């Protein structure tokens, strides 16, 4: 398959099928949803970029009475279920809308975006104004809503009105599809107008409450907002989250689907790297790949077989939730992050029902957000993680991509916070040649950080360089000096002085002293200070060894 066949950046089911783009068949989702036809409302929550919008687009094309979709679904799994196709394909009026583009910095701008979405839906069904089966009062309200003229409060019941009119016109109840229902609430929470948006959202959701014009509704989002907040009074409401098992294989790619994709694109040699970077999400009973990542990387590999994996998911949306998490809580949370970043797992209770206005009210809420939004996943089952209390899971970082997102967030946090820490005692000790004091001050600062890279030397290099760089010193790392490359060189031009640090990572606390002595010896053997002595009046050299959050420092005489 050539590059033209890989769809990236489109969730349009019709375009993908008509253009014969590569499509991983998820049409069995239709059959699964119809197994429980007594369920009036199904809420499906999955992380972003896991195929929610494409699946909702597919559902719309299948059910919409205005379409003829037989050719689109030909050869797909659902086409072999003749009974379902006969009774359901293009047999019902459909209202399909998405809130994923609502992104207002204030309530008024968000409200205008919502009004545009509803106006567009009304314009789509403008033919209802010519219907002899719809009463004139409904038509008057319809015209106002289509023109966007009313106040946002007038739009609260707009879906109820549209559903009633569609049922009158077609003589059949409506199938309602709402994609990314919680995006307006998430943006409102970020920007300080949550109460106003919650009120509007409650009004919009009146359409699913004891509505005789509604055949069924499917709603998607990232979080299951607490039932008391939005879905109060909704009967026959069934959520399907990443903790459930019913619909897991329909959102994201399974192992078999990725293997088939790589075989079809002649990229099977890249299977291991794709698994390491983009697999690892445990949804119910399935291990799932992020489809956005997989398709983007396959696309890049077809363009350039030497392309390395990249963080496509990170670049597709904001990752502010991680930074909010790090800023909000103290030592206990930081320790848990260090366990996760070292490849371990934490045991954590997860709340199914959340409200955006209380997301940061407890540590439990924030771990729940990271789980439901795809930053953490259930760790693979082992003996010591069985028989956990209800709603309590062993959580781990899913893959290399997400670990990189965490690392970036931690580095940003460290850069911003280190500049505010009191480091005067450390700097004074460095220039005074007091190794013991330098060791004590570095240990204090180490205990304030969040470590990653499993305490390897590159973590300590980044930590040490960051401490000095954000204080106005010129810092060079691994630059050639003498007969080798010294780890860290800190230059103080104003005071005509320079400090050289050789850093070693110790595998045990007992090795701190011998490793520190090796670092000092290396400075001597490689003559790191020789050329710098000609440029500065003061040159101090230190060997440093680290073990987790302990260190030992020795001055080279």
Protein backbone atom coordinates (compact mmCIF):
# COMPACT_ATOMS: atom_id res chain seq x y z
CA UNK A 1 0.00 0.00 0.00
CA UNK A 2 1.27 3.51 -0.84
CA UNK A 3 1.17 6.60 1.32
CA UNK A 4 -2.06 7.86 -0.28
CA UNK A 5 -4.03 5.04 1.34
CA UNK A 6 -3.31 5.95 4.98
CA UNK A 7 -5.89 8.38 6.41
CA UNK A 8 -4.39 10.90 8.83
CA UNK A 9 -6.34 13.87 10.12
CA UNK A 10 -9.78 12.76 8.95
CA UNK A 11 -12.63 11.22 10.94
CA UNK A 12 -15.02 11.31 7.99
CA UNK A 13 -16.29 7.76 7.47
CA UNK A 14 -17.74 8.59 4.04
CA UNK A 15 -14.45 10.07 2.78
CA UNK A 16 -12.43 7.12 4.08
CA UNK A 17 -14.73 4.59 2.42
CA UNK A 18 -15.28 6.46 -0.85
CA UNK A 19 -11.58 7.22 -1.29
CA UNK A 20 -10.78 3.59 -0.39
CA UNK A 21 -8.43 4.68 2.37
CA UNK A 22 -7.19 2.04 4.78
CA UNK A 23 -9.94 1.33 7.29
CA UNK A 24 -9.81 -0.98 10.27
CA UNK A 25 -13.34 -2.35 10.47
CA UNK A 26 -15.16 -1.25 13.62
CA UNK A 27 -18.67 -1.72 12.23
CA UNK A 28 -19.38 -4.58 14.66
CA UNK A 29 -19.88 -1.78 17.19
CA UNK A 30 -23.32 -1.28 15.63
CA UNK A 31 -24.33 -4.86 16.32
CA UNK A 32 -22.99 -4.66 19.87
CA UNK A 33 -24.96 -1.50 20.62
CA UNK A 34 -28.16 -3.03 19.24
CA UNK A 35 -27.86 -6.11 21.45
CA UNK A 36 -29.21 -3.97 24.28
CA UNK A 37 -31.92 -2.03 22.47
CA UNK A 38 -33.70 -1.49 25.77
CA UNK A 39 -30.81 0.78 26.79
CA UNK A 40 -31.99 4.25 25.92
CA UNK A 41 -28.70 6.09 26.49
CA UNK A 42 -25.15 4.73 26.19
CA UNK A 43 -22.29 6.94 27.39
CA UNK A 44 -18.91 5.83 26.03
CA UNK A 45 -15.84 7.39 27.64
CA UNK A 46 -12.39 6.96 26.11
CA UNK A 47 -9.21 9.07 25.97
CA UNK A 48 -8.85 11.53 23.12
CA UNK A 49 -7.61 10.22 19.77
CA UNK A 50 -9.00 6.72 20.27
CA UNK A 51 -11.48 6.76 17.38
CA UNK A 52 -14.61 8.11 19.08
CA UNK A 53 -15.40 10.66 16.36
CA UNK A 54 -14.87 8.26 13.45
CA UNK A 55 -17.11 5.67 15.11
CA UNK A 56 -19.85 8.24 15.73
CA UNK A 57 -19.57 9.32 12.10
CA UNK A 58 -19.97 5.68 11.07
CA UNK A 59 -23.07 5.28 13.27
CA UNK A 60 -24.64 8.36 11.72
CA UNK A 61 -24.10 7.07 8.19
CA UNK A 62 -25.54 3.68 9.08
CA UNK A 63 -28.76 4.84 10.76
CA UNK A 64 -29.62 8.08 8.91
CA UNK A 65 -32.91 7.77 7.03
CA UNK A 66 -31.83 10.42 4.52
CA UNK A 67 -28.86 8.34 3.32
CA UNK A 68 -28.34 5.25 1.18
CA UNK A 69 -25.32 3.65 2.85
CA UNK A 70 -25.37 0.11 1.51
CA UNK A 71 -22.31 0.63 -0.68
CA UNK A 72 -20.35 2.32 2.14
CA UNK A 73 -20.75 -0.69 4.41
CA UNK A 74 -20.29 -3.35 1.74
CA UNK A 75 -17.73 -5.92 2.87
CA UNK A 76 -17.65 -4.66 6.45
CA UNK A 77 -18.60 -6.90 9.36
CA UNK A 78 -22.07 -5.42 9.86
CA UNK A 79 -23.05 -6.03 6.22
CA UNK A 80 -23.19 -9.77 6.90
CA UNK A 81 -25.89 -9.32 9.51
CA UNK A 82 -28.77 -9.10 7.06
CA UNK A 83 -31.46 -8.71 9.72
CA UNK A 84 -29.84 -5.68 11.34
CA UNK A 85 -29.15 -4.07 7.97
CA UNK A 86 -32.76 -4.60 6.89
CA UNK A 87 -34.29 -3.22 10.07
CA UNK A 88 -31.80 -0.47 10.96
CA UNK A 89 -29.69 0.71 8.02
CA UNK A 90 -31.00 4.13 6.93
CA UNK A 91 -34.25 3.54 8.79
CA UNK A 92 -34.26 6.33 11.42
CA UNK A 93 -33.91 10.10 11.57
CA UNK A 94 -30.55 11.02 13.12
CA UNK A 95 -29.35 14.06 15.04
CA UNK A 96 -25.54 14.01 15.02
CA UNK A 97 -23.41 16.74 16.55
CA UNK A 98 -19.99 17.18 18.13
CA UNK A 99 -18.80 19.59 20.81
CA UNK A 100 -15.08 18.93 20.28
CA UNK A 101 -14.46 22.38 18.73
CA UNK A 102 -15.89 24.39 21.65
CA UNK A 103 -12.92 26.23 23.15
CA UNK A 104 -13.96 29.60 24.54
CA UNK A 105 -11.74 31.63 26.84
CA UNK A 106 -14.91 33.03 28.42
CA UNK A 107 -18.55 31.99 28.62
CA UNK A 108 -19.77 34.36 25.90
CA UNK A 109 -17.32 33.09 23.29
CA UNK A 110 -18.07 29.46 24.20
CA UNK A 111 -21.81 30.18 24.03
CA UNK A 112 -21.43 31.64 20.55
CA UNK A 113 -19.60 28.51 19.42
CA UNK A 114 -22.38 26.33 20.83
CA UNK A 115 -25.00 28.46 19.11
CA UNK A 116 -23.18 27.97 15.81
CA UNK A 117 -23.17 24.19 16.30
CA UNK A 118 -26.92 24.13 16.98
CA UNK A 119 -27.64 26.55 14.15
CA UNK A 120 -25.73 24.30 11.74
CA UNK A 121 -27.76 21.29 12.88
CA UNK A 122 -30.97 23.21 12.26
CA UNK A 123 -29.83 24.35 8.83
CA UNK A 124 -29.02 20.71 8.02
CA UNK A 125 -32.68 19.87 8.71
CA UNK A 126 -34.12 23.04 7.14
CA UNK A 127 -36.45 20.91 5.02
CA UNK A 128 -38.63 20.53 8.12
CA UNK A 129 -39.98 24.05 7.50
CA UNK A 130 -41.70 22.65 4.39
CA UNK A 131 -43.17 19.65 6.21
CA UNK A 132 -46.95 19.44 6.45
CA UNK A 133 -46.59 17.20 9.50
CA UNK A 134 -44.89 19.81 11.71
CA UNK A 135 -46.96 22.50 13.44
CA UNK A 136 -46.41 26.20 12.77
CA UNK A 137 -45.36 27.13 16.32
CA UNK A 138 -42.51 24.62 16.14
CA UNK A 139 -41.51 26.05 12.75
CA UNK A 140 -41.31 29.58 14.20
CA UNK A 141 -38.98 28.46 16.99
CA UNK A 142 -36.99 26.41 14.46
CA UNK A 143 -36.42 29.49 12.27
CA UNK A 144 -35.15 31.55 15.20
CA UNK A 145 -32.71 28.86 16.28
CA UNK A 146 -31.42 28.36 12.74
CA UNK A 147 -30.59 32.08 12.59
CA UNK A 148 -28.62 31.98 15.89
CA UNK A 149 -30.64 34.96 17.09
CA UNK A 150 -31.90 33.77 20.52
CA UNK A 151 -30.02 33.93 23.81
CA UNK A 152 -27.99 30.80 24.60
CA UNK A 153 -30.64 29.79 27.14
CA UNK A 154 -33.10 29.35 24.27
CA UNK A 155 -30.85 26.63 22.89
CA UNK A 156 -31.13 24.49 26.03
CA UNK A 157 -34.21 22.69 24.74
CA UNK A 158 -33.31 22.96 21.07
CA UNK A 159 -32.55 19.25 20.70
CA UNK A 160 -35.88 18.35 22.28
CA UNK A 161 -37.63 20.55 19.70
CA UNK A 162 -35.66 19.10 16.80
CA UNK A 163 -36.28 15.52 17.92
CA UNK A 164 -40.03 16.17 18.20
CA UNK A 165 -40.15 17.75 14.73
CA UNK A 166 -38.17 14.90 13.15
CA UNK A 167 -40.45 12.31 14.70
CA UNK A 168 -43.53 14.19 13.42
CA UNK A 169 -42.05 14.42 9.93
CA UNK A 170 -40.81 10.83 9.56
CA UNK A 171 -43.22 9.05 11.88
CA UNK A 172 -40.26 7.40 13.60
CA UNK A 173 -38.31 8.23 16.79
CA UNK A 174 -34.86 9.77 16.56
CA UNK A 175 -31.36 8.35 17.09
CA UNK A 176 -29.22 10.96 18.84
CA UNK A 177 -25.40 11.00 18.58
CA UNK A 178 -23.40 13.51 20.66
CA UNK A 179 -19.62 13.36 20.31
CA UNK A 180 -17.22 14.80 22.94
CA UNK A 181 -20.06 16.02 25.14
CA UNK A 182 -17.71 17.09 27.97
CA UNK A 183 -15.30 19.30 26.00
CA UNK A 184 -17.25 22.52 26.78
CA UNK A 185 -17.19 21.63 30.49
CA UNK A 186 -13.47 20.88 30.44
CA UNK A 187 -12.71 24.21 28.77
CA UNK A 188 -15.09 26.02 31.15
CA UNK A 189 -13.31 24.49 34.14
CA UNK A 190 -9.93 25.64 32.78
CA UNK A 191 -11.14 29.19 32.12
CA UNK A 192 -13.40 29.93 35.08
CA UNK A 193 -16.98 29.76 33.80
CA UNK A 194 -17.89 26.21 34.82
CA UNK A 195 -21.19 26.97 36.57
CA UNK A 196 -22.62 28.79 33.55
CA UNK A 197 -21.58 26.02 31.15
CA UNK A 198 -22.88 23.30 33.48
CA UNK A 199 -26.28 24.99 33.49
CA UNK A 200 -26.36 25.08 29.66
CA UNK A 201 -25.19 21.46 29.40
CA UNK A 202 -27.91 20.28 31.78
CA UNK A 203 -30.45 22.00 29.57
CA UNK A 204 -29.06 20.41 26.40
CA UNK A 205 -29.20 16.96 27.99
CA UNK A 206 -32.94 17.29 28.64
CA UNK A 207 -33.31 15.62 25.25
CA UNK A 208 -32.36 12.21 26.73
CA UNK A 209 -34.72 12.33 29.71
CA UNK A 210 -38.03 10.50 29.20
CA UNK A 211 -38.23 11.75 25.62
CA UNK A 212 -40.80 9.74 23.65
CA UNK A 213 -39.30 11.07 20.42
CA UNK A 214 -35.97 9.36 21.19
CA UNK A 215 -35.25 5.84 19.93
CA UNK A 216 -31.75 5.68 21.42
CA UNK A 217 -28.77 7.91 22.16
CA UNK A 218 -25.02 7.34 22.04
CA UNK A 219 -22.84 9.93 23.77
CA UNK A 220 -19.04 10.01 23.88
CA UNK A 221 -16.51 11.91 25.98
CA UNK A 222 -13.31 11.58 27.99
CA UNK A 223 -14.85 11.56 31.47
CA UNK A 224 -18.05 10.26 32.95
CA UNK A 225 -19.39 13.40 34.60
CA UNK A 226 -21.19 12.64 37.85
CA UNK A 227 -24.76 11.57 37.22
CA UNK A 228 -26.07 14.13 39.70
CA UNK A 229 -24.55 16.97 37.68
CA UNK A 230 -25.88 16.34 34.18
CA UNK A 231 -27.80 13.11 33.80
CA UNK A 232 -30.20 13.47 36.74
CA UNK A 233 -33.50 11.80 35.92
CA UNK A 234 -32.12 9.88 32.96
CA UNK A 235 -33.61 6.40 32.97
CA UNK A 236 -31.90 3.45 31.33
CA UNK A 237 -28.54 5.24 31.31
CA UNK A 238 -25.57 2.86 30.80
CA UNK A 239 -21.94 4.05 30.87
CA UNK A 240 -19.12 2.18 29.15
CA UNK A 241 -15.71 3.28 30.43
CA UNK A 242 -12.18 1.93 29.94
CA UNK A 243 -12.75 -0.22 33.02
CA UNK A 244 -15.57 -2.12 31.30
CA UNK A 245 -15.23 -4.95 28.80
CA UNK A 246 -18.17 -4.64 26.42
CA UNK A 247 -16.99 -2.13 23.78
CA UNK A 248 -13.24 -2.10 24.36
CA UNK A 249 -12.12 -3.57 21.02
CA UNK A 250 -14.01 -0.89 19.06
CA UNK A 251 -12.01 2.09 20.33
CA UNK A 252 -8.32 1.86 19.51
CA UNK A 253 -6.47 -0.89 17.63
CA UNK A 254 -6.04 -4.43 18.91
CA UNK A 255 -2.82 -6.41 18.52
CA UNK A 256 -4.25 -8.37 15.57
CA UNK A 257 -5.38 -5.21 13.83
CA UNK A 258 -1.94 -3.61 14.13
CA UNK A 259 -0.24 -6.77 12.90
CA UNK A 260 -2.53 -6.81 9.85
CA UNK A 261 -1.90 -3.11 9.17
CA UNK A 262 1.87 -3.59 9.31
CA UNK A 263 1.65 -6.64 7.08
CA UNK A 264 -0.48 -4.75 4.53
CA UNK A 265 1.98 -1.84 4.48
CA UNK A 266 5.11 -4.05 4.48
CA UNK A 267 6.25 -2.54 7.78
CA UNK A 268 6.35 -5.63 10.00
CA UNK A 269 9.99 -4.90 10.85
CA UNK A 270 8.74 -1.90 12.86
CA UNK A 271 6.34 -3.94 15.01
CA UNK A 272 8.51 -3.87 18.15
CA UNK A 273 9.05 -0.10 18.19
CA UNK A 274 5.36 0.59 17.52
CA UNK A 275 4.40 -1.71 20.38
CA UNK A 276 6.91 -0.07 22.75
CA UNK A 277 5.74 3.44 21.89
CA UNK A 278 1.99 3.19 21.27
CA UNK A 279 0.64 -0.02 22.86
CA UNK A 280 0.00 -0.76 26.52
CA UNK A 281 -3.51 0.56 27.16
CA UNK A 282 -5.49 -2.06 29.07
CA UNK A 283 -9.15 -1.39 28.33
CA UNK A 284 -11.31 -4.01 30.00
CA UNK A 285 -10.18 -7.30 28.53
CA UNK A 286 -8.11 -5.92 25.64
CA UNK A 287 -4.62 -4.54 25.22
CA UNK A 288 -5.10 -1.53 22.94
CA UNK A 289 -2.88 0.67 20.76
CA UNK A 290 -3.60 4.38 20.29
CA UNK A 291 -4.92 4.55 16.68
CA UNK A 292 -3.91 8.18 16.15
CA UNK A 293 -0.28 7.34 16.93
CA UNK A 294 -0.19 4.15 14.89
CA UNK A 295 -1.65 5.71 11.73
CA UNK A 296 0.60 8.76 12.01
CA UNK A 297 3.71 6.65 12.43
CA UNK A 298 2.79 4.27 9.60
CA UNK A 299 2.21 7.32 7.42
CA UNK A 300 5.67 8.70 8.30
CA UNK A 301 7.36 5.35 7.73
CA UNK A 302 5.85 5.07 4.26
CA UNK A 303 7.30 8.51 3.50
CA UNK A 304 10.62 7.79 5.21
CA UNK A 305 11.54 4.22 6.23
CA UNK A 306 14.16 5.66 8.62
CA UNK A 307 11.62 7.75 10.58
CA UNK A 308 11.87 7.37 14.35
CA UNK A 309 8.83 7.12 16.65
CA UNK A 310 7.46 10.47 17.78
CA UNK A 311 4.92 11.71 20.29
CA UNK A 312 1.96 12.37 17.97
CA UNK A 313 -0.57 12.19 20.83
CA UNK A 314 1.24 14.90 22.80
CA UNK A 315 1.08 17.31 19.88
CA UNK A 316 -2.64 16.75 19.27
CA UNK A 317 -3.90 18.45 22.43
CA UNK A 318 -3.01 20.09 25.72
CA UNK A 319 -1.31 18.04 28.43
CA UNK A 320 -1.97 20.65 31.11
CA UNK A 321 -3.59 18.12 33.43
CA UNK A 322 -0.19 16.62 34.30
CA UNK A 323 1.26 19.98 35.25
CA UNK A 324 -1.82 20.80 37.35
CA UNK A 325 -1.34 17.48 39.11
CA UNK A 326 2.34 18.09 39.92
CA UNK A 327 1.63 21.60 41.18
CA UNK A 328 -1.34 20.59 43.33
CA UNK A 329 0.05 17.96 45.69
CA UNK A 330 3.08 17.28 47.81
CA UNK A 331 5.64 14.65 48.70
CA UNK A 332 3.34 11.60 48.54
CA UNK A 333 2.30 12.38 44.96
CA UNK A 334 5.89 13.04 43.90
CA UNK A 335 6.96 9.67 45.30
CA UNK A 336 4.21 7.94 43.32
CA UNK A 337 5.34 9.72 40.17
CA UNK A 338 8.88 8.48 40.74
CA UNK A 339 7.63 4.90 41.05
CA UNK A 340 5.67 5.27 37.80
CA UNK A 341 8.58 6.88 35.95
CA UNK A 342 10.90 4.06 36.98
CA UNK A 343 8.57 1.53 35.32
CA UNK A 344 6.72 0.48 38.46
CA UNK A 345 3.06 0.64 39.43
CA UNK A 346 1.01 2.25 42.16
CA UNK A 347 -2.16 0.98 43.85
CA UNK A 348 -4.87 3.61 43.58
CA UNK A 349 -8.62 3.90 44.05
CA UNK A 350 -10.38 5.27 40.97
CA UNK A 351 -13.63 7.24 40.96
CA UNK A 352 -15.98 6.57 38.04
CA UNK A 353 -18.10 9.69 38.59
CA UNK A 354 -16.27 13.00 38.44
CA UNK A 355 -17.18 16.65 38.14
CA UNK A 356 -14.83 19.10 36.47
CA UNK A 357 -15.30 21.72 39.18
CA UNK A 358 -13.96 19.30 41.82
CA UNK A 359 -11.21 17.63 39.80
CA UNK A 360 -8.45 19.05 41.97
CA UNK A 361 -10.29 18.70 45.24
CA UNK A 362 -8.55 15.44 46.10
CA UNK A 363 -5.58 13.34 45.09
CA UNK A 364 -7.99 10.50 44.29
CA UNK A 365 -9.79 12.66 41.72
CA UNK A 366 -6.59 13.57 39.94
CA UNK A 367 -5.33 10.00 39.68
CA UNK A 368 -8.76 9.14 38.28
CA UNK A 369 -8.40 11.83 35.60
CA UNK A 370 -4.98 10.52 34.56
CA UNK A 371 -6.46 7.04 34.29
CA UNK A 372 -9.57 7.93 32.29
CA UNK A 373 -7.75 10.32 29.97
CA UNK A 374 -5.10 7.75 28.99
CA UNK A 375 -2.01 8.95 30.85
CA UNK A 376 -2.12 5.86 33.07
CA UNK A 377 -3.54 2.41 32.52
CA UNK A 378 -4.20 -0.76 34.47
CA UNK A 379 -0.94 -2.61 34.97
CA UNK A 380 -0.82 -6.12 33.57
CA UNK A 381 -2.22 -8.72 35.93
CA UNK A 382 0.19 -10.41 38.34
CA UNK A 383 -0.38 -12.41 41.49
CA UNK A 384 0.27 -9.57 43.94
CA UNK A 385 -2.31 -7.30 42.26
CA UNK A 386 -5.31 -9.59 42.46
CA UNK A 387 -8.15 -9.28 44.97
CA UNK A 388 -7.81 -5.51 45.24
CA UNK A 389 -10.72 -3.57 46.78
CA UNK A 390 -13.51 -2.49 44.44
CA UNK A 391 -12.55 0.37 42.07
CA UNK A 392 -8.91 0.01 43.12
CA UNK A 393 -6.33 -0.70 40.42
CA UNK A 394 -2.61 -1.17 39.95
CA UNK A 395 -1.74 1.72 37.61
CA UNK A 396 1.31 2.15 35.38
CA UNK A 397 2.50 4.34 32.50
CA UNK A 398 1.27 2.68 29.27
CA UNK A 399 4.21 3.20 26.93
CA UNK A 400 7.29 5.16 25.90
CA UNK A 401 5.30 8.00 24.37
CA UNK A 402 3.38 8.76 27.57
CA UNK A 403 6.53 8.43 29.67
CA UNK A 404 8.06 11.12 27.46
CA UNK A 405 5.06 13.40 28.05
CA UNK A 406 5.53 13.00 31.82
CA UNK A 407 9.26 13.71 31.51
CA UNK A 408 8.63 16.90 29.54
CA UNK A 409 6.11 18.08 32.14
CA UNK A 410 8.51 17.31 34.99
CA UNK A 411 11.41 19.09 33.27
CA UNK A 412 9.24 22.19 32.74
CA UNK A 413 8.09 22.06 36.36
CA UNK A 414 11.70 21.73 37.55
CA UNK A 415 12.95 24.61 35.39
CA UNK A 416 10.26 26.94 36.68
CA UNK A 417 10.50 25.87 40.32
CA UNK A 418 14.29 25.59 40.63
CA UNK A 419 14.63 29.28 39.84
CA UNK A 420 12.58 30.04 42.96
CA UNK A 421 14.50 27.76 45.31
CA UNK A 422 17.06 29.30 47.67
CA UNK A 423 20.43 28.17 46.31
CA UNK A 424 22.65 30.87 47.78
CA UNK A 425 24.18 28.48 50.33
CA UNK A 426 24.99 25.99 47.56
CA UNK A 427 26.65 28.58 45.33
CA UNK A 428 28.65 30.01 48.24
CA UNK A 429 29.87 26.53 49.16
CA UNK A 430 30.89 25.75 45.58
CA UNK A 431 33.08 28.82 45.22
CA UNK A 432 34.42 28.44 48.76
CA UNK A 433 35.59 24.89 47.99
CA UNK A 434 33.50 23.34 50.80
CA UNK A 435 32.72 19.84 49.50
CA UNK A 436 30.83 18.83 52.64
CA UNK A 437 28.53 21.86 52.42
CA UNK A 438 28.01 21.34 48.67
CA UNK A 439 26.96 17.75 49.39
CA UNK A 440 24.48 18.82 52.07
CA UNK A 441 22.90 21.53 49.91
CA UNK A 442 22.59 19.32 46.81
CA UNK A 443 20.92 16.62 48.92
CA UNK A 444 18.33 19.16 50.12
CA UNK A 445 17.52 20.18 46.56
CA UNK A 446 17.43 16.58 45.33
CA UNK A 447 14.66 15.82 47.81
CA UNK A 448 12.51 18.55 46.24
CA UNK A 449 12.71 17.09 42.73
CA UNK A 450 10.76 14.39 40.90
CA UNK A 451 13.25 11.91 39.51
CA UNK A 452 12.92 10.03 36.24
CA UNK A 453 15.14 7.92 33.96
CA UNK A 454 15.35 5.58 36.95
CA UNK A 455 18.10 7.72 38.58
CA UNK A 456 20.57 7.26 35.74
CA UNK A 457 23.39 9.72 35.07
CA UNK A 458 21.39 11.75 32.52
CA UNK A 459 18.84 12.60 35.25
CA UNK A 460 21.59 13.93 37.52
CA UNK A 461 23.17 15.84 34.64
CA UNK A 462 19.86 17.54 33.86
CA UNK A 463 19.20 18.26 37.54
CA UNK A 464 22.65 19.69 38.18
CA UNK A 465 22.77 21.77 35.01
CA UNK A 466 19.30 23.14 35.72
CA UNK A 467 20.20 24.26 39.23
CA UNK A 468 22.99 26.47 37.91
CA UNK A 469 21.58 27.47 34.49
CA UNK A 470 18.53 29.21 35.94
CA UNK A 471 20.76 31.27 38.27
CA UNK A 472 22.50 33.25 35.57
CA UNK A 473 25.62 31.10 35.20
CA UNK A 474 26.81 29.82 31.84
CA UNK A 475 26.54 26.01 31.96
CA UNK A 476 28.21 23.62 29.51
CA UNK A 477 27.48 19.90 29.54
CA UNK A 478 29.75 17.20 28.08
CA UNK A 479 31.94 19.74 26.32
CA UNK A 480 35.48 18.80 25.36
CA UNK A 481 38.11 20.00 27.83
CA UNK A 482 41.68 18.74 28.17
CA UNK A 483 41.82 15.14 26.94
CA UNK A 484 38.17 14.28 27.37
CA UNK A 485 34.67 15.56 28.01
CA UNK A 486 33.84 16.87 31.45
CA UNK A 487 30.27 16.41 32.64
CA UNK A 488 29.32 19.91 33.86
CA UNK A 489 31.23 23.18 33.60
CA UNK A 490 29.78 26.22 35.40
CA UNK A 491 31.26 29.54 34.33
CA UNK A 492 30.88 32.76 36.32
CA UNK A 493 32.18 35.45 33.94
CA UNK A 494 31.47 38.35 36.30
CA UNK A 495 33.58 36.97 39.15
CA UNK A 496 36.22 35.40 36.83
CA UNK A 497 35.75 31.84 38.10
CA UNK A 498 34.73 28.40 36.88
CA UNK A 499 33.62 25.13 38.52
CA UNK A 500 34.05 21.68 36.95
CA UNK A 501 31.91 18.74 38.06
CA UNK A 502 32.42 15.10 37.13
CA UNK A 503 29.24 13.13 37.91
CA UNK A 504 28.98 9.41 38.63
CA UNK A 505 25.92 7.24 39.26
CA UNK A 506 26.35 4.68 42.04
CA UNK A 507 24.50 1.38 42.04
CA UNK A 508 24.39 1.25 45.84
CA UNK A 509 24.87 3.56 48.79
CA UNK A 510 28.08 1.70 49.70
CA UNK A 511 29.57 2.65 46.32
CA UNK A 512 29.13 6.39 46.85
CA UNK A 513 32.64 7.01 48.19
CA UNK A 514 34.66 4.85 45.74
CA UNK A 515 32.66 6.25 42.79
CA UNK A 516 33.24 9.78 44.03
CA UNK A 517 36.99 9.10 44.19
CA UNK A 518 36.86 7.77 40.60
CA UNK A 519 35.22 11.02 39.51
CA UNK A 520 37.98 13.08 41.13
CA UNK A 521 40.66 10.88 39.57
CA UNK A 522 39.07 11.28 36.13
CA UNK A 523 39.29 15.08 36.39
CA UNK A 524 43.03 14.69 37.07
CA UNK A 525 43.68 12.00 34.46
CA UNK A 526 41.82 13.81 31.69
CA UNK A 527 43.21 17.22 32.67
CA UNK A 528 39.80 18.87 32.44
CA UNK A 529 40.98 22.01 34.25
CA UNK A 530 44.16 22.67 32.29
CA UNK A 531 42.87 24.96 29.53
CA UNK A 532 40.38 26.70 31.83
CA UNK A 533 43.19 27.76 34.21
CA UNK A 534 44.45 30.11 31.50
CA UNK A 535 41.05 31.84 31.21
CA UNK A 536 39.93 32.10 34.85
CA UNK A 537 41.62 33.23 38.02
CA UNK A 538 39.74 30.60 40.09
CA UNK A 539 39.08 27.01 38.99
CA UNK A 540 37.45 24.54 41.40
CA UNK A 541 36.92 20.88 40.54
CA UNK A 542 34.52 18.45 42.20
CA UNK A 543 33.86 14.76 41.86
CA UNK A 544 30.26 13.83 42.69
CA UNK A 545 28.57 10.47 43.08
CA UNK A 546 24.82 9.98 43.38
CA UNK A 547 22.67 7.15 44.65
CA UNK A 548 18.95 7.90 44.38
CA UNK A 549 18.54 11.09 46.44
CA UNK A 550 21.86 10.88 48.25
CA UNK A 551 25.16 12.27 47.08
CA UNK A 552 28.82 12.55 48.03
CA UNK A 553 31.06 15.41 46.93
CA UNK A 554 34.85 15.64 47.04
CA UNK A 555 37.05 18.56 46.08
CA UNK A 556 40.05 17.93 43.83
CA UNK A 557 43.04 19.51 45.53
